[in-house]
Every structure is written in structure tokens, then in C-alpha cells.
Amino acid sequence: MATIETDIDVEALKKSGKRGRALVNYAYNVLLYDGEKLLHTAIHAGATAVDTQQAASIIGYEPVTLYKWSSSGDGPLTPMRIGGKPLWKVRDLRNLLGIAV
């Protein structure tokens, strides 16, 4: 597996005062992180799952594709559901991309 070597602004993440998925949301919505940078942030934050928009950004697919996988159950990833909302495991995203921590 490949290792992840992405520059994330750890100081900006710390200044936000957020943790876990809230930190991933901050990185995605405020710092505009995407792709491997967002995945690295999720790993750094200790987030176990991300939402569909973030997962699609990480793996380079359109969110509609992940929604189809979620509803049909025939994609390479299967989401977990919390309150009926699909969340995608960071571990599964890493494995799909072949990225070790």
C-alpha cells in the first residue's frame, strides 16, 4: 500500500478548536480541502467516517455515484447508516485507494 504524503495545515486545524468529524467538516467547508488532503485530515482528526460529499471528494467520484452504491448495495464500498444518513468509513476509503497510514 502507498503511504499518504500530503501537506495539511495542522496549525489551521488546531486553531479551529474542532475535533473528529467536525474538524473534517471545517477542513472541507472552510479550508476547502479535497482528495487526499481531506483524507489525511480525517485520519489526523481520528474521524471514523465522513459524509457522502466528502467521501466522493476523497475518492474522486461524483456524490451521485456513492448515493447509487448506497441504495443498490453493489458498489465497492458500503456505507454505515446513522439516522438513515449514509456515512463512509475512512478505513474503507483508505483501502479502496490503497493508502496505508
C-alpha atoms as a PDB file:
ATOM      1  CA  MET A   1       0.000   0.000   0.000  1.00  0.00           C
ATOM      2  CA  ALA A   2       1.056   3.555  -0.649  1.00  0.00           C
ATOM      3  CA  THR A   3       1.554   5.935   2.226  1.00  0.00           C
ATOM      4  CA  ILE A   4      -0.114   9.314   2.319  1.00  0.00           C
ATOM      5  CA  GLU A   5       2.198  12.299   1.961  1.00  0.00           C
ATOM      6  CA  THR A   6       0.020  15.390   1.866  1.00  0.00           C
ATOM      7  CA  ASP A   7       0.675  18.784   3.365  1.00  0.00           C
ATOM      8  CA  ILE A   8      -2.151  19.760   5.632  1.00  0.00           C
ATOM      9  CA  ASP A   9      -2.082  22.952   7.685  1.00  0.00           C
ATOM     10  CA  VAL A  10      -2.054  21.410  11.145  1.00  0.00           C
ATOM     11  CA  GLU A  11      -1.913  24.853  12.783  1.00  0.00           C
ATOM     12  CA  ALA A  12      -5.092  25.990  10.985  1.00  0.00           C
ATOM     13  CA  LEU A  13      -6.772  22.754  12.048  1.00  0.00           C
ATOM     14  CA  LYS A  14      -5.711  23.269  15.678  1.00  0.00           C
ATOM     15  CA  LYS A  15      -6.886  26.901  15.662  1.00  0.00           C
ATOM     16  CA  SER A  16     -10.382  25.784  14.673  1.00  0.00           C
ATOM     17  CA  GLY A  17     -10.803  24.135  18.070  1.00  0.00           C
ATOM     18  CA  LYS A  18     -12.729  21.304  16.422  1.00  0.00           C
ATOM     19  CA  ARG A  19     -12.196  17.554  16.622  1.00  0.00           C
ATOM     20  CA  GLY A  20     -13.290  14.419  14.799  1.00  0.00           C
ATOM     21  CA  ARG A  21     -15.895  14.787  12.054  1.00  0.00           C
ATOM     22  CA  ALA A  22     -16.414  18.461  12.965  1.00  0.00           C
ATOM     23  CA  LEU A  23     -12.756  19.067  12.072  1.00  0.00           C
ATOM     24  CA  VAL A  24     -13.193  17.237   8.772  1.00  0.00           C
ATOM     25  CA  ASN A  25     -16.262  19.393   8.035  1.00  0.00           C
ATOM     26  CA  TYR A  26     -14.197  22.504   8.814  1.00  0.00           C
ATOM     27  CA  ALA A  27     -11.367  21.390   6.531  1.00  0.00           C
ATOM     28  CA  TYR A  28     -13.826  20.640   3.710  1.00  0.00           C
ATOM     29  CA  ASN A  29     -16.078  23.702   4.020  1.00  0.00           C
ATOM     30  CA  VAL A  30     -13.661  26.400   5.248  1.00  0.00           C
ATOM     31  CA  LEU A  31     -10.163  25.323   4.208  1.00  0.00           C
ATOM     32  CA  LEU A  32     -11.596  23.773   1.002  1.00  0.00           C
ATOM     33  CA  TYR A  33      -9.588  20.577   1.355  1.00  0.00           C
ATOM     34  CA  ASP A  34     -10.404  17.747  -1.030  1.00  0.00           C
ATOM     35  CA  GLY A  35      -8.966  14.455  -2.229  1.00  0.00           C
ATOM     36  CA  GLU A  36      -6.023  13.032  -0.324  1.00  0.00           C
ATOM     37  CA  LYS A  37      -5.671  16.224   1.715  1.00  0.00           C
ATOM     38  CA  LEU A  38      -9.171  15.691   3.112  1.00  0.00           C
ATOM     39  CA  LEU A  39      -8.438  12.013   3.747  1.00  0.00           C
ATOM     40  CA  HIS A  40      -5.267  12.951   5.607  1.00  0.00           C
ATOM     41  CA  THR A  41      -7.275  15.429   7.685  1.00  0.00           C
ATOM     42  CA  ALA A  42      -9.828  12.726   8.536  1.00  0.00           C
ATOM     43  CA  ILE A  43      -7.020  10.419   9.639  1.00  0.00           C
ATOM     44  CA  HIS A  44      -5.363  13.231  11.638  1.00  0.00           C
ATOM     45  CA  ALA A  45      -8.713  14.066  13.275  1.00  0.00           C
ATOM     46  CA  GLY A  46      -9.377  10.445  14.177  1.00  0.00           C
ATOM     47  CA  ALA A  47     -12.683  10.531  12.288  1.00  0.00           C
ATOM     48  CA  THR A  48     -14.064   7.073  11.640  1.00  0.00           C
ATOM     49  CA  ALA A  49     -16.458   8.180   8.869  1.00  0.00           C
ATOM     50  CA  VAL A  50     -17.213  11.052   6.514  1.00  0.00           C
ATOM     51  CA  ASP A  51     -20.359  12.140   4.715  1.00  0.00           C
ATOM     52  CA  THR A  52     -21.124  11.382   1.076  1.00  0.00           C
ATOM     53  CA  GLN A  53     -19.859  14.701  -0.327  1.00  0.00           C
ATOM     54  CA  GLN A  54     -16.558  14.304   1.478  1.00  0.00           C
ATOM     55  CA  ALA A  55     -16.163  10.633   0.560  1.00  0.00           C
ATOM     56  CA  ALA A  56     -16.812  11.429  -3.104  1.00  0.00           C
ATOM     57  CA  SER A  57     -14.185  14.170  -2.963  1.00  0.00           C
ATOM     58  CA  ILE A  58     -11.673  11.822  -1.363  1.00  0.00           C
ATOM     59  CA  ILE A  59     -12.037   9.069  -3.960  1.00  0.00           C
ATOM     60  CA  GLY A  60     -12.662  11.296  -6.968  1.00  0.00           C
ATOM     61  CA  TYR A  61     -16.225  10.257  -7.779  1.00  0.00           C
ATOM     62  CA  GLU A  62     -19.428  12.253  -8.063  1.00  0.00           C
ATOM     63  CA  PRO A  63     -21.634  12.112  -4.941  1.00  0.00           C
ATOM     64  CA  VAL A  64     -24.490  10.659  -7.019  1.00  0.00           C
ATOM     65  CA  THR A  65     -22.328   7.570  -7.649  1.00  0.00           C
ATOM     66  CA  LEU A  66     -21.936   6.993  -3.925  1.00  0.00           C
ATOM     67  CA  TYR A  67     -25.668   7.506  -3.384  1.00  0.00           C
ATOM     68  CA  LYS A  68     -26.281   4.810  -6.031  1.00  0.00           C
ATOM     69  CA  TRP A  69     -23.843   2.475  -4.273  1.00  0.00           C
ATOM     70  CA  SER A  70     -25.635   3.203  -1.023  1.00  0.00           C
ATOM     71  CA  SER A  71     -29.096   2.425  -2.346  1.00  0.00           C
ATOM     72  CA  SER A  72     -28.219  -0.534  -4.575  1.00  0.00           C
ATOM     73  CA  GLY A  73     -25.552  -2.102  -2.384  1.00  0.00           C
ATOM     74  CA  ASP A  74     -23.459  -3.098  -5.404  1.00  0.00           C
ATOM     75  CA  GLY A  75     -20.529  -0.650  -5.214  1.00  0.00           C
ATOM     76  CA  PRO A  76     -17.019  -1.284  -3.924  1.00  0.00           C
ATOM     77  CA  LEU A  77     -17.961   0.485  -0.668  1.00  0.00           C
ATOM     78  CA  THR A  78     -20.886   0.010   1.672  1.00  0.00           C
ATOM     79  CA  PRO A  79     -21.836   2.883   3.943  1.00  0.00           C
ATOM     80  CA  MET A  80     -22.910   2.644   7.524  1.00  0.00           C
ATOM     81  CA  ARG A  81     -26.108   4.489   8.333  1.00  0.00           C
ATOM     82  CA  ILE A  82     -26.696   6.836  11.214  1.00  0.00           C
ATOM     83  CA  GLY A  83     -30.176   8.306  11.387  1.00  0.00           C
ATOM     84  CA  GLY A  84     -30.775   6.982   7.869  1.00  0.00           C
ATOM     85  CA  LYS A  85     -27.882   9.045   6.503  1.00  0.00           C
ATOM     86  CA  PRO A  86     -25.059   7.180   4.749  1.00  0.00           C
ATOM     87  CA  LEU A  87     -21.608   7.697   6.226  1.00  0.00           C
ATOM     88  CA  TRP A  88     -18.497   6.240   4.626  1.00  0.00           C
ATOM     89  CA  LYS A  89     -15.795   4.618   6.742  1.00  0.00           C
ATOM     90  CA  VAL A  90     -12.399   6.277   6.466  1.00  0.00           C
ATOM     91  CA  ARG A  91     -10.784   2.826   6.680  1.00  0.00           C
ATOM     92  CA  ASP A  92     -12.762   1.651   3.624  1.00  0.00           C
ATOM     93  CA  LEU A  93     -11.804   4.774   1.664  1.00  0.00           C
ATOM     94  CA  ARG A  94      -8.137   4.227   2.501  1.00  0.00           C
ATOM     95  CA  ASN A  95      -8.346   0.587   1.443  1.00  0.00           C
ATOM     96  CA  LEU A  96     -10.084   1.478  -1.829  1.00  0.00           C
ATOM     97  CA  LEU A  97      -7.319   3.962  -2.637  1.00  0.00           C
ATOM     98  CA  GLY A  98      -4.592   1.602  -1.412  1.00  0.00           C
ATOM     99  CA  ILE A  99      -3.309   4.103   1.152  1.00  0.00           C
ATOM    100  CA  ALA A 100      -1.687   2.929   4.379  1.00  0.00           C
ATOM    101  CA  VAL A 101      -1.379   5.107   7.437  1.00  0.00           C
END
